[in-house]
Structure formats: C-alpha cells, structure tokens
Amino acid sequence: MTTWVENPEGGRARGPVGLARAWGEVLVRPRRFFENGVAPGDQAPGLVFAIVVTLVHVALRGVFTPGFFPVYGGRPVLSAVFTFVVAGLFVAPVLLHLTAAIQTVLLRPFVPERAGVSATVQVVAYAAAPGVFAALPVPGIRLAAALYGATLLVLGLVVVHDTTVVRAVAAGAVPALLVFGYAFGGVPAFEALAGVDIVPDPRVGAGNAPS
C-alpha cells in the first residue's frame, strides 16, 4: 500500500503545476479525472496531493480560527509551525493510508472484482480536494465541502472500481464519515446548522453529576 512507481504510464503530472491542475480538474470534472488520473501503483502524486490539501486546510484554519493552534511553552509561532509540520508530514499520510485500508476491507463484500489497493489510496487522496474550503469558518461552506468530498469519494469508487453507485455508497459510507465528517468538520458544521448534537460532548453536564 505504501509503494509507488517513478515513471508511471498515465496518472498525474508531478510538480506544483500538476498539483494545481489535479485540484481544479477533480473539483470541476471529477469523472474524467478519475478515469484518466488514477494509474496502477502510482501513489506518489496522490500522497503529495493529500498532504498539500491538508497543509492548506490547517493553514487556513489557523488564519480564520483564532486559537486553532495549541501553544506549547509560551511560543505560539514555533507551536504553530510544529502543528503544521505534524499535520502535513505525519497525520495526513497516516490518515490517508488508514482510511484507504478501511475502504479496501469494506469494498470486498460489495465489489468482488475491483482495482488494486493503490487505486483506492488515490481515490481517497483526490477526493479530499474540497478540504481546502472546509477550513473556512462558515458552517454552510464547511458542510457543502464535506458533502462534495464524500460525493467525490463515491464517484471515484464507481469509476475506478467499475461498480454501481449503490455499492459505492454502501462501501464508502464509513470512510466518508471519518474523513469528511470528522477530519474536515462536516459533522460539527451540520450540528451548528441544525442546532443538534449528533455526538454529545461528554463534558456537558459533568459539573451537575452527583459526587
């Protein structure tokens, strides 16, 4: 799952221009992107794509959400840089491959004849493209970005694994919830808009608990 090829046939172009084109194309023409932009064994561009999206997301959260970065040792700048690096170089790759592993397991009962694990990793990575917009502190925008990301994941599964929408939805529901519902804040955004608590905060009411 962690391998990739240096000179693939097909797949996305490397470099900043390739990243920018991939981001725009997966948002605007996702079906064509998944048909042409996912190559067997070519995980490198997808991994870099997911890392860059995560870094942009974290940077924008830091800009628009005061106090987003924790402060360690009274050094806010170093703490922000540390959080930024950890999120991009450690959290993003781990979350990507963990989600892809879960997605691979969930695909088995629904799509017996499917593409390889590498293709699934790439689908999850490129589906994260709307995560840039999920950083904006507007619940409606964050929810829309999360829903579009989930839609891209389902569409990617349909195209890459040559399956139906129903099967892709069934197989992709849990990974979509993990990535777009929680990592990119779709669930909190929905809670804010609907005025409900899907996952109640255990700290609420703790002060009223009997001693």
C-alpha atoms as a PDB file:
ATOM      1  CA  MET A   1       0.000   0.000   0.000  1.00  0.00           C
ATOM      2  CA  THR A   2       2.920   2.353   0.545  1.00  0.00           C
ATOM      3  CA  THR A   3       4.671   1.766  -2.784  1.00  0.00           C
ATOM      4  CA  TRP A   4       4.555   3.861  -5.932  1.00  0.00           C
ATOM      5  CA  VAL A   5       6.284   3.989  -9.296  1.00  0.00           C
ATOM      6  CA  GLU A   6       8.548   6.759 -10.528  1.00  0.00           C
ATOM      7  CA  ASN A   7       7.683   6.653 -14.222  1.00  0.00           C
ATOM      8  CA  PRO A   8       4.059   5.544 -14.500  1.00  0.00           C
ATOM      9  CA  GLU A   9       2.019   5.199 -17.634  1.00  0.00           C
ATOM     10  CA  GLY A  10      -0.813   7.654 -17.127  1.00  0.00           C
ATOM     11  CA  GLY A  11      -1.534   9.202 -13.749  1.00  0.00           C
ATOM     12  CA  ARG A  12      -0.990  12.794 -12.755  1.00  0.00           C
ATOM     13  CA  ALA A  13       1.896  15.076 -13.622  1.00  0.00           C
ATOM     14  CA  ARG A  14       4.338  15.913 -10.864  1.00  0.00           C
ATOM     15  CA  GLY A  15       5.211  19.357  -9.543  1.00  0.00           C
ATOM     16  CA  PRO A  16       3.193  22.401  -8.433  1.00  0.00           C
ATOM     17  CA  VAL A  17       1.515  22.815 -11.818  1.00  0.00           C
ATOM     18  CA  GLY A  18       0.445  19.173 -11.827  1.00  0.00           C
ATOM     19  CA  LEU A  19      -0.958  19.533  -8.312  1.00  0.00           C
ATOM     20  CA  ALA A  20      -2.896  22.672  -9.207  1.00  0.00           C
ATOM     21  CA  ARG A  21      -4.302  21.094 -12.366  1.00  0.00           C
ATOM     22  CA  ALA A  22      -5.291  17.946 -10.482  1.00  0.00           C
ATOM     23  CA  TRP A  23      -7.043  20.001  -7.798  1.00  0.00           C
ATOM     24  CA  GLY A  24      -9.009  22.018 -10.319  1.00  0.00           C
ATOM     25  CA  GLU A  25      -9.894  19.058 -12.500  1.00  0.00           C
ATOM     26  CA  VAL A  26     -11.082  16.797  -9.695  1.00  0.00           C
ATOM     27  CA  LEU A  27     -13.363  19.590  -8.472  1.00  0.00           C
ATOM     28  CA  VAL A  28     -14.770  20.545 -11.870  1.00  0.00           C
ATOM     29  CA  ARG A  29     -14.540  17.364 -13.974  1.00  0.00           C
ATOM     30  CA  PRO A  30     -14.262  14.562 -11.438  1.00  0.00           C
ATOM     31  CA  ARG A  31     -15.423  11.679 -13.628  1.00  0.00           C
ATOM     32  CA  ARG A  32     -12.884  12.451 -16.322  1.00  0.00           C
ATOM     33  CA  PHE A  33     -10.226  12.943 -13.664  1.00  0.00           C
ATOM     34  CA  PHE A  34     -10.813   9.542 -12.066  1.00  0.00           C
ATOM     35  CA  GLU A  35     -10.919   7.885 -15.476  1.00  0.00           C
ATOM     36  CA  ASN A  36      -7.574   9.353 -16.563  1.00  0.00           C
ATOM     37  CA  GLY A  37      -5.786  10.434 -13.408  1.00  0.00           C
ATOM     38  CA  VAL A  38      -5.583   7.207 -11.420  1.00  0.00           C
ATOM     39  CA  ALA A  39      -2.823   4.847 -12.549  1.00  0.00           C
ATOM     40  CA  PRO A  40      -1.975   1.418 -11.069  1.00  0.00           C
ATOM     41  CA  GLY A  41       0.762   1.670  -8.476  1.00  0.00           C
ATOM     42  CA  ASP A  42       1.189   5.423  -8.902  1.00  0.00           C
ATOM     43  CA  GLN A  43       0.594   6.658  -5.361  1.00  0.00           C
ATOM     44  CA  ALA A  44       3.218   9.397  -5.198  1.00  0.00           C
ATOM     45  CA  PRO A  45       1.142  12.217  -6.746  1.00  0.00           C
ATOM     46  CA  GLY A  46      -1.913  11.226  -4.702  1.00  0.00           C
ATOM     47  CA  LEU A  47       0.044  11.175  -1.449  1.00  0.00           C
ATOM     48  CA  VAL A  48       1.585  14.574  -2.161  1.00  0.00           C
ATOM     49  CA  PHE A  49      -1.855  15.879  -3.146  1.00  0.00           C
ATOM     50  CA  ALA A  50      -3.388  14.791   0.173  1.00  0.00           C
ATOM     51  CA  ILE A  51      -0.501  16.309   2.141  1.00  0.00           C
ATOM     52  CA  VAL A  52      -0.771  19.653   0.330  1.00  0.00           C
ATOM     53  CA  VAL A  53      -4.551  19.803   0.799  1.00  0.00           C
ATOM     54  CA  THR A  54      -4.080  19.066   4.496  1.00  0.00           C
ATOM     55  CA  LEU A  55      -1.412  21.757   4.860  1.00  0.00           C
ATOM     56  CA  VAL A  56      -3.592  24.346   3.131  1.00  0.00           C
ATOM     57  CA  HIS A  57      -6.554  23.312   5.288  1.00  0.00           C
ATOM     58  CA  VAL A  58      -4.555  23.622   8.502  1.00  0.00           C
ATOM     59  CA  ALA A  59      -3.021  26.941   7.437  1.00  0.00           C
ATOM     60  CA  LEU A  60      -6.425  28.436   6.624  1.00  0.00           C
ATOM     61  CA  ARG A  61      -7.884  27.143   9.885  1.00  0.00           C
ATOM     62  CA  GLY A  62      -5.060  28.889  11.695  1.00  0.00           C
ATOM     63  CA  VAL A  63      -5.747  32.140   9.846  1.00  0.00           C
ATOM     64  CA  PHE A  64      -9.534  32.174  10.238  1.00  0.00           C
ATOM     65  CA  THR A  65      -9.905  30.466  13.627  1.00  0.00           C
ATOM     66  CA  PRO A  66      -8.137  32.249  16.495  1.00  0.00           C
ATOM     67  CA  GLY A  67      -6.623  29.814  18.962  1.00  0.00           C
ATOM     68  CA  PHE A  68      -6.731  26.939  16.491  1.00  0.00           C
ATOM     69  CA  PHE A  69      -3.047  26.177  17.007  1.00  0.00           C
ATOM     70  CA  PRO A  70      -2.197  24.995  20.527  1.00  0.00           C
ATOM     71  CA  VAL A  71       0.580  26.914  22.243  1.00  0.00           C
ATOM     72  CA  TYR A  72       3.435  24.963  23.809  1.00  0.00           C
ATOM     73  CA  GLY A  73       5.853  26.543  26.225  1.00  0.00           C
ATOM     74  CA  GLY A  74       4.580  30.037  25.573  1.00  0.00           C
ATOM     75  CA  ARG A  75       5.914  30.022  21.993  1.00  0.00           C
ATOM     76  CA  PRO A  76       2.961  30.486  19.634  1.00  0.00           C
ATOM     77  CA  VAL A  77       4.956  30.744  16.396  1.00  0.00           C
ATOM     78  CA  LEU A  78       7.037  27.626  16.999  1.00  0.00           C
ATOM     79  CA  SER A  79       3.926  25.821  18.227  1.00  0.00           C
ATOM     80  CA  ALA A  80       2.063  26.710  15.028  1.00  0.00           C
ATOM     81  CA  VAL A  81       4.972  25.529  12.871  1.00  0.00           C
ATOM     82  CA  PHE A  82       5.182  22.301  14.863  1.00  0.00           C
ATOM     83  CA  THR A  83       1.447  21.643  14.479  1.00  0.00           C
ATOM     84  CA  PHE A  84       1.657  22.480  10.770  1.00  0.00           C
ATOM     85  CA  VAL A  85       4.516  20.038  10.179  1.00  0.00           C
ATOM     86  CA  VAL A  86       2.956  17.240  12.218  1.00  0.00           C
ATOM     87  CA  ALA A  87      -0.369  17.604  10.416  1.00  0.00           C
ATOM     88  CA  GLY A  88       1.209  17.517   6.971  1.00  0.00           C
ATOM     89  CA  LEU A  89       4.016  15.021   7.354  1.00  0.00           C
ATOM     90  CA  PHE A  90       2.531  12.593   9.861  1.00  0.00           C
ATOM     91  CA  VAL A  91      -1.231  12.930  10.328  1.00  0.00           C
ATOM     92  CA  ALA A  92      -2.136  13.269   6.638  1.00  0.00           C
ATOM     93  CA  PRO A  93      -0.200  10.195   5.364  1.00  0.00           C
ATOM     94  CA  VAL A  94      -1.329   8.045   8.292  1.00  0.00           C
ATOM     95  CA  LEU A  95      -4.970   9.078   7.918  1.00  0.00           C
ATOM     96  CA  LEU A  96      -4.828   8.560   4.150  1.00  0.00           C
ATOM     97  CA  HIS A  97      -3.485   5.016   4.357  1.00  0.00           C
ATOM     98  CA  LEU A  98      -5.644   4.090   7.342  1.00  0.00           C
ATOM     99  CA  THR A  99      -8.762   5.272   5.537  1.00  0.00           C
ATOM    100  CA  ALA A 100      -7.690   3.505   2.347  1.00  0.00           C
ATOM    101  CA  ALA A 101      -7.126   0.290   4.314  1.00  0.00           C
ATOM    102  CA  ILE A 102     -10.611   0.547   5.843  1.00  0.00           C
ATOM    103  CA  GLN A 103     -12.041   1.336   2.424  1.00  0.00           C
ATOM    104  CA  THR A 104     -10.306  -1.680   0.893  1.00  0.00           C
ATOM    105  CA  VAL A 105     -11.771  -4.004   3.524  1.00  0.00           C
ATOM    106  CA  LEU A 106     -15.267  -2.551   3.086  1.00  0.00           C
ATOM    107  CA  LEU A 107     -15.081  -2.914  -0.694  1.00  0.00           C
ATOM    108  CA  ARG A 108     -14.568  -6.665  -0.535  1.00  0.00           C
ATOM    109  CA  PRO A 109     -18.170  -7.746   0.157  1.00  0.00           C
ATOM    110  CA  PHE A 110     -19.636  -5.196  -2.264  1.00  0.00           C
ATOM    111  CA  VAL A 111     -17.168  -5.231  -5.166  1.00  0.00           C
ATOM    112  CA  PRO A 112     -15.555  -8.662  -5.613  1.00  0.00           C
ATOM    113  CA  GLU A 113     -13.913  -7.673  -8.921  1.00  0.00           C
ATOM    114  CA  ARG A 114     -12.146  -4.392  -8.154  1.00  0.00           C
ATOM    115  CA  ALA A 115      -8.985  -2.451  -8.900  1.00  0.00           C
ATOM    116  CA  GLY A 116      -5.932  -2.657  -6.668  1.00  0.00           C
ATOM    117  CA  VAL A 117      -5.282  -1.113  -3.269  1.00  0.00           C
ATOM    118  CA  SER A 118      -3.139   1.586  -4.847  1.00  0.00           C
ATOM    119  CA  ALA A 119      -6.121   2.827  -6.836  1.00  0.00           C
ATOM    120  CA  THR A 120      -8.174   3.058  -3.655  1.00  0.00           C
ATOM    121  CA  VAL A 121      -5.443   5.119  -1.967  1.00  0.00           C
ATOM    122  CA  GLN A 122      -5.502   7.535  -4.889  1.00  0.00           C
ATOM    123  CA  VAL A 123      -9.288   7.834  -4.848  1.00  0.00           C
ATOM    124  CA  VAL A 124      -9.289   8.721  -1.148  1.00  0.00           C
ATOM    125  CA  ALA A 125      -6.452  11.207  -1.650  1.00  0.00           C
ATOM    126  CA  TYR A 126      -8.003  13.083  -4.558  1.00  0.00           C
ATOM    127  CA  ALA A 127     -11.479  13.075  -3.014  1.00  0.00           C
ATOM    128  CA  ALA A 128     -10.021  15.287  -0.273  1.00  0.00           C
ATOM    129  CA  ALA A 129      -9.779  18.222  -2.702  1.00  0.00           C
ATOM    130  CA  PRO A 130     -12.743  20.153  -1.177  1.00  0.00           C
ATOM    131  CA  GLY A 131     -10.962  20.049   2.183  1.00  0.00           C
ATOM    132  CA  VAL A 132      -9.460  23.430   1.280  1.00  0.00           C
ATOM    133  CA  PHE A 133     -12.910  25.029   1.521  1.00  0.00           C
ATOM    134  CA  ALA A 134     -13.753  23.093   4.682  1.00  0.00           C
ATOM    135  CA  ALA A 135     -11.247  25.306   6.513  1.00  0.00           C
ATOM    136  CA  LEU A 136     -13.464  28.393   6.181  1.00  0.00           C
ATOM    137  CA  PRO A 137     -15.306  29.253   9.417  1.00  0.00           C
ATOM    138  CA  VAL A 138     -18.753  29.174   7.799  1.00  0.00           C
ATOM    139  CA  PRO A 139     -20.812  26.071   8.706  1.00  0.00           C
ATOM    140  CA  GLY A 140     -22.686  26.098   5.407  1.00  0.00           C
ATOM    141  CA  ILE A 141     -19.483  26.153   3.362  1.00  0.00           C
ATOM    142  CA  ARG A 142     -17.823  23.524   5.529  1.00  0.00           C
ATOM    143  CA  LEU A 143     -20.831  21.216   5.247  1.00  0.00           C
ATOM    144  CA  ALA A 144     -21.025  21.712   1.480  1.00  0.00           C
ATOM    145  CA  ALA A 145     -17.313  20.955   1.157  1.00  0.00           C
ATOM    146  CA  ALA A 146     -17.667  17.806   3.269  1.00  0.00           C
ATOM    147  CA  LEU A 147     -20.671  16.588   1.253  1.00  0.00           C
ATOM    148  CA  TYR A 148     -18.874  17.247  -2.018  1.00  0.00           C
ATOM    149  CA  GLY A 149     -15.822  15.386  -0.767  1.00  0.00           C
ATOM    150  CA  ALA A 150     -17.993  12.403   0.126  1.00  0.00           C
ATOM    151  CA  THR A 151     -19.581  12.613  -3.322  1.00  0.00           C
ATOM    152  CA  LEU A 152     -16.142  12.605  -4.953  1.00  0.00           C
ATOM    153  CA  LEU A 153     -15.178   9.539  -2.932  1.00  0.00           C
ATOM    154  CA  VAL A 154     -18.268   7.653  -4.091  1.00  0.00           C
ATOM    155  CA  LEU A 155     -17.787   8.745  -7.705  1.00  0.00           C
ATOM    156  CA  GLY A 156     -14.132   7.728  -7.578  1.00  0.00           C
ATOM    157  CA  LEU A 157     -15.061   4.282  -6.289  1.00  0.00           C
ATOM    158  CA  VAL A 158     -17.666   3.922  -9.045  1.00  0.00           C
ATOM    159  CA  VAL A 159     -15.235   4.877 -11.819  1.00  0.00           C
ATOM    160  CA  VAL A 160     -12.016   3.263 -10.593  1.00  0.00           C
ATOM    161  CA  HIS A 161     -13.550   0.023  -9.316  1.00  0.00           C
ATOM    162  CA  ASP A 162     -16.192  -0.183 -12.060  1.00  0.00           C
ATOM    163  CA  THR A 163     -19.122  -0.609  -9.695  1.00  0.00           C
ATOM    164  CA  THR A 164     -22.575   0.863  -9.111  1.00  0.00           C
ATOM    165  CA  VAL A 165     -23.455   3.969  -7.116  1.00  0.00           C
ATOM    166  CA  VAL A 166     -25.399   1.906  -4.569  1.00  0.00           C
ATOM    167  CA  ARG A 167     -22.456  -0.400  -3.916  1.00  0.00           C
ATOM    168  CA  ALA A 168     -20.034   2.523  -3.765  1.00  0.00           C
ATOM    169  CA  VAL A 169     -22.225   4.349  -1.238  1.00  0.00           C
ATOM    170  CA  ALA A 170     -22.505   1.238   0.927  1.00  0.00           C
ATOM    171  CA  ALA A 171     -18.753   0.637   0.835  1.00  0.00           C
ATOM    172  CA  GLY A 172     -17.718   4.273   1.189  1.00  0.00           C
ATOM    173  CA  ALA A 173     -20.064   5.479   3.937  1.00  0.00           C
ATOM    174  CA  VAL A 174     -17.705   4.835   6.872  1.00  0.00           C
ATOM    175  CA  PRO A 175     -14.542   6.226   5.224  1.00  0.00           C
ATOM    176  CA  ALA A 176     -16.501   9.289   4.093  1.00  0.00           C
ATOM    177  CA  LEU A 177     -17.723   9.854   7.644  1.00  0.00           C
ATOM    178  CA  LEU A 178     -14.186   9.554   9.031  1.00  0.00           C
ATOM    179  CA  VAL A 179     -12.536  11.891   6.541  1.00  0.00           C
ATOM    180  CA  PHE A 180     -15.236  14.399   5.686  1.00  0.00           C
ATOM    181  CA  GLY A 181     -17.486  14.108   8.698  1.00  0.00           C
ATOM    182  CA  TYR A 182     -14.788  14.438  11.337  1.00  0.00           C
ATOM    183  CA  ALA A 183     -11.344  15.242   9.883  1.00  0.00           C
ATOM    184  CA  PHE A 184     -12.745  18.071   7.738  1.00  0.00           C
ATOM    185  CA  GLY A 185     -15.531  19.031  10.133  1.00  0.00           C
ATOM    186  CA  GLY A 186     -18.685  18.081   8.267  1.00  0.00           C
ATOM    187  CA  VAL A 187     -20.437  16.709  11.343  1.00  0.00           C
ATOM    188  CA  PRO A 188     -19.761  19.766  13.568  1.00  0.00           C
ATOM    189  CA  ALA A 189     -20.891  22.006  10.701  1.00  0.00           C
ATOM    190  CA  PHE A 190     -24.151  20.080  10.401  1.00  0.00           C
ATOM    191  CA  GLU A 191     -24.643  20.262  14.160  1.00  0.00           C
ATOM    192  CA  ALA A 192     -24.135  24.027  14.078  1.00  0.00           C
ATOM    193  CA  LEU A 193     -26.634  24.497  11.249  1.00  0.00           C
ATOM    194  CA  ALA A 194     -29.250  22.096  12.615  1.00  0.00           C
ATOM    195  CA  GLY A 195     -28.833  23.039  16.264  1.00  0.00           C
ATOM    196  CA  VAL A 196     -28.416  19.430  17.346  1.00  0.00           C
ATOM    197  CA  ASP A 197     -25.666  17.339  18.913  1.00  0.00           C
ATOM    198  CA  ILE A 198     -25.101  14.143  16.939  1.00  0.00           C
ATOM    199  CA  VAL A 199     -22.200  13.245  19.206  1.00  0.00           C
ATOM    200  CA  PRO A 200     -22.898  14.857  22.608  1.00  0.00           C
ATOM    201  CA  ASP A 201     -19.917  16.345  24.417  1.00  0.00           C
ATOM    202  CA  PRO A 202     -19.340  14.143  27.494  1.00  0.00           C
ATOM    203  CA  ARG A 203     -18.114  17.195  29.388  1.00  0.00           C
ATOM    204  CA  VAL A 204     -21.535  18.860  29.168  1.00  0.00           C
ATOM    205  CA  GLY A 205     -23.395  18.261  32.397  1.00  0.00           C
ATOM    206  CA  ALA A 206     -20.371  16.782  34.101  1.00  0.00           C
ATOM    207  CA  GLY A 207     -20.481  19.571  36.645  1.00  0.00           C
ATOM    208  CA  ASN A 208     -24.012  18.537  37.594  1.00  0.00           C
ATOM    209  CA  ALA A 209     -23.121  14.904  38.096  1.00  0.00           C
ATOM    210  CA  PRO A 210     -23.545  13.622  41.627  1.00  0.00           C
ATOM    211  CA  SER A 211     -20.311  13.335  43.586  1.00  0.00           C
END
